PDB file of all heavy atoms in Angstrom:
ATOM      1  N   ALA A   1       0.762  -1.254   0.013  1.00  0.00           N
ATOM      2  CA  ALA A   1       0.054  -0.040   0.038  1.00  0.00           C
ATOM      3  C   ALA A   1       0.805   1.231  -0.023  1.00  0.00           C
ATOM      4  O   ALA A   1       0.362   2.285  -0.529  1.00  0.00           O
ATOM      5  CB  ALA A   1      -0.937   0.058   1.236  1.00  0.00           C
ATOM      6  N   TYR A   2       2.035   1.137   0.594  1.00  0.00           N
ATOM      7  CA  TYR A   2       2.731   2.548   0.839  1.00  0.00           C
ATOM      8  C   TYR A   2       4.173   2.504   0.463  1.00  0.00           C
ATOM      9  O   TYR A   2       4.880   3.595   0.693  1.00  0.00           O
ATOM     10  CB  TYR A   2       2.592   2.932   2.351  1.00  0.00           C
ATOM     11  CG  TYR A   2       1.134   2.793   2.875  1.00  0.00           C
ATOM     12  CD1 TYR A   2       0.679   1.971   3.766  1.00  0.00           C
ATOM     13  CD2 TYR A   2       0.276   3.696   2.128  1.00  0.00           C
ATOM     14  CE1 TYR A   2      -0.565   1.938   4.223  1.00  0.00           C
ATOM     15  CE2 TYR A   2      -1.103   3.677   2.591  1.00  0.00           C
ATOM     16  CZ  TYR A   2      -1.436   2.807   3.589  1.00  0.00           C
ATOM     17  OH  TYR A   2      -2.771   2.688   4.032  1.00  0.00           O
ATOM     18  N   ALA A   3       4.609   1.545  -0.209  1.00  0.00           N
ATOM     19  CA  ALA A   3       6.051   1.565  -0.710  1.00  0.00           C
ATOM     20  C   ALA A   3       6.208   2.741  -1.635  1.00  0.00           C
ATOM     21  O   ALA A   3       7.207   3.386  -1.695  1.00  0.00           O
ATOM     22  CB  ALA A   3       6.327   0.235  -1.407  1.00  0.00           C
ATOM     23  N   HIS A   4       5.268   3.038  -2.411  1.00  0.00           N
ATOM     24  CA  HIS A   4       5.375   4.272  -3.372  1.00  0.00           C
ATOM     25  C   HIS A   4       5.504   5.574  -2.643  1.00  0.00           C
ATOM     26  O   HIS A   4       5.882   6.583  -3.125  1.00  0.00           O
ATOM     27  CB  HIS A   4       4.089   4.289  -4.263  1.00  0.00           C
ATOM     28  CG  HIS A   4       2.841   4.739  -3.625  1.00  0.00           C
ATOM     29  ND1 HIS A   4       2.131   3.844  -2.766  1.00  0.00           N
ATOM     30  CD2 HIS A   4       2.057   5.951  -3.598  1.00  0.00           C
ATOM     31  CE1 HIS A   4       1.021   4.534  -2.336  1.00  0.00           C
ATOM     32  NE2 HIS A   4       1.027   5.709  -2.791  1.00  0.00           N
ATOM     33  N   LEU A   5       5.092   5.554  -1.296  1.00  0.00           N
ATOM     34  CA  LEU A   5       5.339   6.738  -0.477  1.00  0.00           C
ATOM     35  C   LEU A   5       6.645   6.657   0.360  1.00  0.00           C
ATOM     36  O   LEU A   5       6.981   7.517   1.085  1.00  0.00           O
ATOM     37  CB  LEU A   5       4.096   6.920   0.548  1.00  0.00           C
ATOM     38  CG  LEU A   5       2.769   7.213  -0.062  1.00  0.00           C
ATOM     39  CD1 LEU A   5       1.600   7.302   0.967  1.00  0.00           C
ATOM     40  CD2 LEU A   5       2.835   8.454  -0.930  1.00  0.00           C
ATOM     41  N   GLY A   6       7.299   5.567   0.067  1.00  0.00           N
ATOM     42  CA  GLY A   6       8.708   5.582   0.662  1.00  0.00           C
ATOM     43  C   GLY A   6       8.694   4.838   1.965  1.00  0.00           C
ATOM     44  O   GLY A   6       9.750   4.758   2.795  1.00  0.00           O
ATOM     45  N   ALA A   7       7.618   4.132   2.298  1.00  0.00           N
ATOM     46  CA  ALA A   7       7.439   3.331   3.533  1.00  0.00           C
ATOM     47  C   ALA A   7       8.301   2.134   3.456  1.00  0.00           C
ATOM     48  O   ALA A   7       8.315   1.379   2.396  1.00  0.00           O
ATOM     49  CB  ALA A   7       6.014   2.982   3.871  1.00  0.00           C
ATOM     50  N   ALA A   8       9.058   1.990   4.502  1.00  0.00           N
ATOM     51  CA  ALA A   8       9.966   0.719   4.656  1.00  0.00           C
ATOM     52  C   ALA A   8       9.410  -0.255   5.734  1.00  0.00           C
ATOM     53  O   ALA A   8       8.705   0.248   6.606  1.00  0.00           O
ATOM     54  CB  ALA A   8      11.471   0.935   4.908  1.00  0.00           C
ATOM     55  N   THR A   9       9.685  -1.520   5.701  1.00  0.00           N
ATOM     56  CA  THR A   9       9.173  -2.425   6.801  1.00  0.00           C
ATOM     57  C   THR A   9      10.355  -3.182   7.418  1.00  0.00           C
ATOM     58  O   THR A   9      11.290  -3.475   6.656  1.00  0.00           O
ATOM     59  CB  THR A   9       8.212  -3.423   6.201  1.00  0.00           C
ATOM     60  OG1 THR A   9       8.752  -4.165   5.093  1.00  0.00           O
ATOM     61  CG2 THR A   9       6.952  -2.659   5.589  1.00  0.00           C
ATOM     62  N   VAL A  10      10.071  -3.520   8.669  1.00  0.00           N
ATOM     63  CA  VAL A  10      11.110  -4.256   9.442  1.00  0.00           C
ATOM     64  C   VAL A  10      10.313  -5.308  10.197  1.00  0.00           C
ATOM     65  O   VAL A  10       9.397  -4.818  10.994  1.00  0.00           O
ATOM     66  CB  VAL A  10      11.905  -3.431  10.415  1.00  0.00           C
ATOM     67  CG1 VAL A  10      12.828  -4.288  11.212  1.00  0.00           C
ATOM     68  CG2 VAL A  10      12.905  -2.501   9.519  1.00  0.00           C
ATOM     69  N   HIS A  11      10.635  -6.661  10.092  1.00  0.00           N
ATOM     70  CA  HIS A  11       9.850  -7.611  10.897  1.00  0.00           C
ATOM     71  C   HIS A  11      10.698  -7.655  12.211  1.00  0.00           C
ATOM     72  O   HIS A  11      11.838  -8.051  12.280  1.00  0.00           O
ATOM     73  CB  HIS A  11       9.924  -8.879  10.058  1.00  0.00           C
ATOM     74  CG  HIS A  11       9.273  -9.916  10.947  1.00  0.00           C
ATOM     75  ND1 HIS A  11       9.759 -11.136  11.153  1.00  0.00           N
ATOM     76  CD2 HIS A  11       8.046 -10.083  11.418  1.00  0.00           C
ATOM     77  CE1 HIS A  11       8.938 -11.967  11.914  1.00  0.00           C
ATOM     78  NE2 HIS A  11       7.800 -11.300  12.017  1.00  0.00           N
ATOM     79  N   GLY A  12       9.950  -7.373  13.394  1.00  0.00           N
ATOM     80  CA  GLY A  12      10.643  -7.453  14.610  1.00  0.00           C
ATOM     81  C   GLY A  12       9.671  -7.282  15.705  1.00  0.00           C
ATOM     82  O   GLY A  12       8.454  -6.746  15.518  1.00  0.00           O
ATOM     83  N   SER A  13      10.023  -7.685  16.903  1.00  0.00           N
ATOM     84  CA  SER A  13       9.152  -7.677  18.093  1.00  0.00           C
ATOM     85  C   SER A  13       9.786  -6.727  19.202  1.00  0.00           C
ATOM     86  O   SER A  13      10.886  -6.330  19.062  1.00  0.00           O
ATOM     87  CB  SER A  13       8.960  -9.050  18.614  1.00  0.00           C
ATOM     88  OG  SER A  13      10.278  -9.607  19.208  1.00  0.00           O
ATOM     89  N   VAL A  14       8.927  -6.452  20.085  1.00  0.00           N
ATOM     90  CA  VAL A  14       9.404  -5.658  21.404  1.00  0.00           C
ATOM     91  C   VAL A  14      10.534  -6.421  22.080  1.00  0.00           C
ATOM     92  O   VAL A  14      11.558  -5.767  22.419  1.00  0.00           O
ATOM     93  CB  VAL A  14       8.159  -5.463  22.297  1.00  0.00           C
ATOM     94  CG1 VAL A  14       8.806  -4.921  23.582  1.00  0.00           C
ATOM     95  CG2 VAL A  14       7.115  -4.569  21.688  1.00  0.00           C
ATOM     96  N   ARG A  15      10.461  -7.747  22.153  1.00  0.00           N
ATOM     97  CA  ARG A  15      11.365  -8.424  22.688  1.00  0.00           C
ATOM     98  C   ARG A  15      12.720  -8.284  22.120  1.00  0.00           C
ATOM     99  O   ARG A  15      13.905  -8.122  22.707  1.00  0.00           O
ATOM    100  CB  ARG A  15      11.208  -9.978  22.819  1.00  0.00           C
ATOM    101  CG  ARG A  15      12.201 -10.901  23.501  1.00  0.00           C
ATOM    102  CD  ARG A  15      11.680 -12.266  23.652  1.00  0.00           C
ATOM    103  NE  ARG A  15      10.496 -12.352  24.513  1.00  0.00           N
ATOM    104  CZ  ARG A  15       9.939 -13.372  24.855  1.00  0.00           C
ATOM    105  NH1 ARG A  15      10.221 -14.573  24.277  1.00  0.00           N
ATOM    106  NH2 ARG A  15       8.887 -13.418  25.662  1.00  0.00           N
ATOM    107  N   GLN A  16      12.794  -8.311  20.807  1.00  0.00           N
ATOM    108  CA  GLN A  16      14.032  -8.165  19.896  1.00  0.00           C
ATOM    109  C   GLN A  16      14.616  -6.728  20.195  1.00  0.00           C
ATOM    110  O   GLN A  16      15.815  -6.511  20.080  1.00  0.00           O
ATOM    111  CB  GLN A  16      13.795  -8.408  18.470  1.00  0.00           C
ATOM    112  CG  GLN A  16      13.465  -9.840  18.218  1.00  0.00           C
ATOM    113  CD  GLN A  16      13.023 -10.070  16.733  1.00  0.00           C
ATOM    114  OE1 GLN A  16      12.208  -9.396  16.158  1.00  0.00           O
ATOM    115  NE2 GLN A  16      13.785 -10.986  16.117  1.00  0.00           N
ATOM    116  N   ILE A  17      13.738  -5.735  20.208  1.00  0.00           N
ATOM    117  CA  ILE A  17      14.133  -4.300  20.464  1.00  0.00           C
ATOM    118  C   ILE A  17      14.757  -4.159  21.773  1.00  0.00           C
ATOM    119  O   ILE A  17      15.997  -3.691  21.869  1.00  0.00           O
ATOM    120  CB  ILE A  17      12.931  -3.415  20.271  1.00  0.00           C
ATOM    121  CG1 ILE A  17      12.460  -3.311  18.801  1.00  0.00           C
ATOM    122  CG2 ILE A  17      13.394  -1.920  20.668  1.00  0.00           C
ATOM    123  CD1 ILE A  17      11.251  -2.527  18.693  1.00  0.00           C
ATOM    124  N   LEU A  18      14.190  -4.728  22.846  1.00  0.00           N
ATOM    125  CA  LEU A  18      14.768  -4.612  24.185  1.00  0.00           C
ATOM    126  C   LEU A  18      15.898  -5.492  24.342  1.00  0.00           C
ATOM    127  O   LEU A  18      16.807  -5.008  25.245  1.00  0.00           O
ATOM    128  CB  LEU A  18      13.611  -5.028  25.247  1.00  0.00           C
ATOM    129  CG  LEU A  18      12.405  -4.101  25.208  1.00  0.00           C
ATOM    130  CD1 LEU A  18      11.460  -4.594  26.230  1.00  0.00           C
ATOM    131  CD2 LEU A  18      12.793  -2.632  25.463  1.00  0.00           C
ATOM    132  N   SER A  19      16.165  -6.625  23.666  1.00  0.00           N
ATOM    133  CA  SER A  19      17.315  -7.387  23.824  1.00  0.00           C
ATOM    134  C   SER A  19      18.473  -6.801  23.010  1.00  0.00           C
ATOM    135  O   SER A  19      19.585  -7.306  23.170  1.00  0.00           O
ATOM    136  CB  SER A  19      16.995  -8.842  23.381  1.00  0.00           C
ATOM    137  OG  SER A  19      16.853  -8.822  22.009  1.00  0.00           O
ATOM    138  N   GLY A  20      18.305  -5.831  22.121  1.00  0.00           N
ATOM    139  CA  GLY A  20      19.269  -5.284  21.321  1.00  0.00           C
ATOM    140  C   GLY A  20      19.476  -6.022  19.870  1.00  0.00           C
ATOM    141  O   GLY A  20      20.280  -5.701  19.228  1.00  0.00           O
ATOM    142  N   LYS A  21      18.765  -7.123  19.728  1.00  0.00           N
ATOM    143  CA  LYS A  21      18.785  -7.844  18.387  1.00  0.00           C
ATOM    144  C   LYS A  21      18.254  -6.982  17.354  1.00  0.00           C
ATOM    145  O   LYS A  21      18.686  -7.180  16.102  1.00  0.00           O
ATOM    146  CB  LYS A  21      18.011  -9.223  18.584  1.00  0.00           C
ATOM    147  CG  LYS A  21      18.590 -10.207  19.474  1.00  0.00           C
ATOM    148  CD  LYS A  21      17.858 -11.455  19.546  1.00  0.00           C
ATOM    149  CE  LYS A  21      18.544 -12.531  20.363  1.00  0.00           C
ATOM    150  NZ  LYS A  21      17.753 -13.849  20.372  1.00  0.00           N
ATOM    151  N   LEU A  22      17.344  -6.120  17.685  1.00  0.00           N
ATOM    152  CA  LEU A  22      16.839  -5.179  16.659  1.00  0.00           C
ATOM    153  C   LEU A  22      17.121  -3.755  17.173  1.00  0.00           C
ATOM    154  O   LEU A  22      16.618  -3.272  18.144  1.00  0.00           O
ATOM    155  CB  LEU A  22      15.329  -5.267  16.422  1.00  0.00           C
ATOM    156  CG  LEU A  22      14.741  -4.309  15.503  1.00  0.00           C
ATOM    157  CD1 LEU A  22      15.376  -4.365  14.118  1.00  0.00           C
ATOM    158  CD2 LEU A  22      13.093  -4.697  15.376  1.00  0.00           C
ATOM    159  N   GLN A  23      18.110  -3.085  16.432  1.00  0.00           N
ATOM    160  CA  GLN A  23      18.557  -1.683  16.845  1.00  0.00           C
ATOM    161  C   GLN A  23      17.612  -0.742  16.154  1.00  0.00           C
ATOM    162  O   GLN A  23      17.362  -0.794  14.903  1.00  0.00           O
ATOM    163  CB  GLN A  23      19.890  -1.522  16.484  1.00  0.00           C
ATOM    164  CG  GLN A  23      20.992  -2.488  17.103  1.00  0.00           C
ATOM    165  CD  GLN A  23      21.252  -1.975  18.506  1.00  0.00           C
ATOM    166  OE1 GLN A  23      21.017  -0.850  18.924  1.00  0.00           O
ATOM    167  NE2 GLN A  23      21.807  -2.801  19.421  1.00  0.00           N
ATOM    168  N   LEU A  24      17.097   0.203  16.973  1.00  0.00           N
ATOM    169  CA  LEU A  24      16.326   1.297  16.340  1.00  0.00           C
ATOM    170  C   LEU A  24      17.352   2.320  15.803  1.00  0.00           C
ATOM    171  O   LEU A  24      18.303   2.777  16.494  1.00  0.00           O
ATOM    172  CB  LEU A  24      15.562   2.025  17.510  1.00  0.00           C
ATOM    173  CG  LEU A  24      14.411   1.147  18.049  1.00  0.00           C
ATOM    174  CD1 LEU A  24      13.660   1.873  19.065  1.00  0.00           C
ATOM    175  CD2 LEU A  24      13.435   0.461  17.003  1.00  0.00           C
ATOM    176  N   GLU A  25      17.047   2.626  14.559  1.00  0.00           N
ATOM    177  CA  GLU A  25      17.945   3.708  13.820  1.00  0.00           C
ATOM    178  C   GLU A  25      17.545   5.145  14.471  1.00  0.00           C
ATOM    179  O   GLU A  25      16.411   5.406  14.865  1.00  0.00           O
ATOM    180  CB  GLU A  25      17.719   3.724  12.336  1.00  0.00           C
ATOM    181  CG  GLU A  25      18.147   2.334  11.725  1.00  0.00           C
ATOM    182  CD  GLU A  25      19.525   2.002  11.823  1.00  0.00           C
ATOM    183  OE1 GLU A  25      20.325   3.101  11.667  1.00  0.00           O
ATOM    184  OE2 GLU A  25      19.955   0.922  11.980  1.00  0.00           O
ATOM    185  N   PRO A  26      18.530   6.018  14.304  1.00  0.00           N
ATOM    186  CA  PRO A  26      18.238   7.404  14.751  1.00  0.00           C
ATOM    187  C   PRO A  26      17.230   8.031  13.978  1.00  0.00           C
ATOM    188  O   PRO A  26      17.150   8.052  12.713  1.00  0.00           O
ATOM    189  CB  PRO A  26      19.649   8.196  14.565  1.00  0.00           C
ATOM    190  CG  PRO A  26      20.614   7.027  14.687  1.00  0.00           C
ATOM    191  CD  PRO A  26      19.937   5.845  14.019  1.00  0.00           C
ATOM    192  N   VAL A  27      16.172   8.645  14.579  1.00  0.00           N
ATOM    193  CA  VAL A  27      15.063   9.250  13.917  1.00  0.00           C
ATOM    194  C   VAL A  27      14.549  10.532  14.414  1.00  0.00           C
ATOM    195  O   VAL A  27      14.945  10.840  15.580  1.00  0.00           O
ATOM    196  CB  VAL A  27      13.794   8.365  13.848  1.00  0.00           C
ATOM    197  CG1 VAL A  27      14.147   6.989  13.055  1.00  0.00           C
ATOM    198  CG2 VAL A  27      13.531   7.923  15.327  1.00  0.00           C
ATOM    199  N   ASP A  28      13.711  11.197  13.581  1.00  0.00           N
ATOM    200  CA  ASP A  28      13.233  12.497  14.185  1.00  0.00           C
ATOM    201  C   ASP A  28      11.891  12.325  14.915  1.00  0.00           C
ATOM    202  O   ASP A  28      11.487  13.232  15.765  1.00  0.00           O
ATOM    203  CB  ASP A  28      12.906  13.477  13.038  1.00  0.00           C
ATOM    204  CG  ASP A  28      14.202  13.615  12.129  1.00  0.00           C
ATOM    205  OD1 ASP A  28      15.132  14.432  12.632  1.00  0.00           O
ATOM    206  OD2 ASP A  28      14.350  13.038  11.061  1.00  0.00           O
ATOM    207  N   LEU A  29      11.292  11.161  14.707  1.00  0.00           N
ATOM    208  CA  LEU A  29       9.975  10.873  15.400  1.00  0.00           C
ATOM    209  C   LEU A  29       9.882   9.355  15.488  1.00  0.00           C
ATOM    210  O   LEU A  29      10.176   8.662  14.545  1.00  0.00           O
ATOM    211  CB  LEU A  29       8.843  11.430  14.481  1.00  0.00           C
ATOM    212  CG  LEU A  29       7.305  10.958  14.895  1.00  0.00           C
ATOM    213  CD1 LEU A  29       7.005  11.388  16.311  1.00  0.00           C
ATOM    214  CD2 LEU A  29       6.370  11.364  13.902  1.00  0.00           C
ATOM    215  N   VAL A  30       9.526   8.934  16.669  1.00  0.00           N
ATOM    216  CA  VAL A  30       9.234   7.489  17.002  1.00  0.00           C
ATOM    217  C   VAL A  30       7.963   7.354  17.657  1.00  0.00           C
ATOM    218  O   VAL A  30       7.819   8.249  18.695  1.00  0.00           O
ATOM    219  CB  VAL A  30      10.369   6.800  17.669  1.00  0.00           C
ATOM    220  CG1 VAL A  30      10.619   7.415  19.001  1.00  0.00           C
ATOM    221  CG2 VAL A  30      10.104   5.379  17.891  1.00  0.00           C
ATOM    222  N   TYR A  31       7.047   6.530  17.330  1.00  0.00           N
ATOM    223  CA  TYR A  31       5.801   6.520  17.982  1.00  0.00           C
ATOM    224  C   TYR A  31       5.300   5.104  18.038  1.00  0.00           C
ATOM    225  O   TYR A  31       5.715   4.210  17.258  1.00  0.00           O
ATOM    226  CB  TYR A  31       4.704   7.422  17.326  1.00  0.00           C
ATOM    227  CG  TYR A  31       4.489   7.100  15.915  1.00  0.00           C
ATOM    228  CD1 TYR A  31       3.308   6.131  15.572  1.00  0.00           C
ATOM    229  CD2 TYR A  31       4.978   7.743  14.743  1.00  0.00           C
ATOM    230  CE1 TYR A  31       3.008   5.847  14.238  1.00  0.00           C
ATOM    231  CE2 TYR A  31       4.586   7.462  13.514  1.00  0.00           C
ATOM    232  CZ  TYR A  31       3.607   6.411  13.273  1.00  0.00           C
ATOM    233  OH  TYR A  31       3.323   6.131  12.006  1.00  0.00           O
ATOM    234  N   SER A  32       4.333   4.844  18.984  1.00  0.00           N
ATOM    235  CA  SER A  32       3.636   3.644  19.081  1.00  0.00           C
ATOM    236  C   SER A  32       2.219   3.884  19.473  1.00  0.00           C
ATOM    237  O   SER A  32       1.987   4.576  20.480  1.00  0.00           O
ATOM    238  CB  SER A  32       4.291   2.623  20.028  1.00  0.00           C
ATOM    239  OG  SER A  32       3.740   1.370  19.909  1.00  0.00           O
ATOM    240  N   ALA A  33       1.225   3.419  18.735  1.00  0.00           N
ATOM    241  CA  ALA A  33      -0.103   3.749  18.999  1.00  0.00           C
ATOM    242  C   ALA A  33      -0.934   2.691  19.725  1.00  0.00           C
ATOM    243  O   ALA A  33      -1.261   2.996  20.940  1.00  0.00           O
ATOM    244  CB  ALA A  33      -0.942   4.034  17.731  1.00  0.00           C
ATOM    245  N   GLY A  34      -1.062   1.491  19.316  1.00  0.00           N
ATOM    246  CA  GLY A  34      -1.845   0.534  20.096  1.00  0.00           C
ATOM    247  C   GLY A  34      -1.057  -0.445  20.934  1.00  0.00           C
ATOM    248  O   GLY A  34      -1.560  -1.309  21.686  1.00  0.00           O
ATOM    249  N   LEU A  35       0.366  -0.479  20.832  1.00  0.00           N
ATOM    250  CA  LEU A  35       1.099  -1.402  21.401  1.00  0.00           C
ATOM    251  C   LEU A  35       1.092  -1.376  23.049  1.00  0.00           C
ATOM    252  O   LEU A  35       1.033  -2.389  23.756  1.00  0.00           O
ATOM    253  CB  LEU A  35       2.607  -1.230  20.994  1.00  0.00           C
ATOM    254  CG  LEU A  35       3.646  -2.078  21.691  1.00  0.00           C
ATOM    255  CD1 LEU A  35       3.342  -3.590  21.524  1.00  0.00           C
ATOM    256  CD2 LEU A  35       4.965  -1.672  21.300  1.00  0.00           C
TER     257      LEU A  35
END
C-alpha cells in the first residue's frame, strides 16, 4: 500500500528491540499507537 510513499518495513518484536537484536535507527519521530 505505501512503498510508493517511501514506507519501509522491518519484521521485529518488542523483545528483539529490548534485547538489542533489533536496533532502532536514529530518527526525528518515533511513535507507538496501540502497542
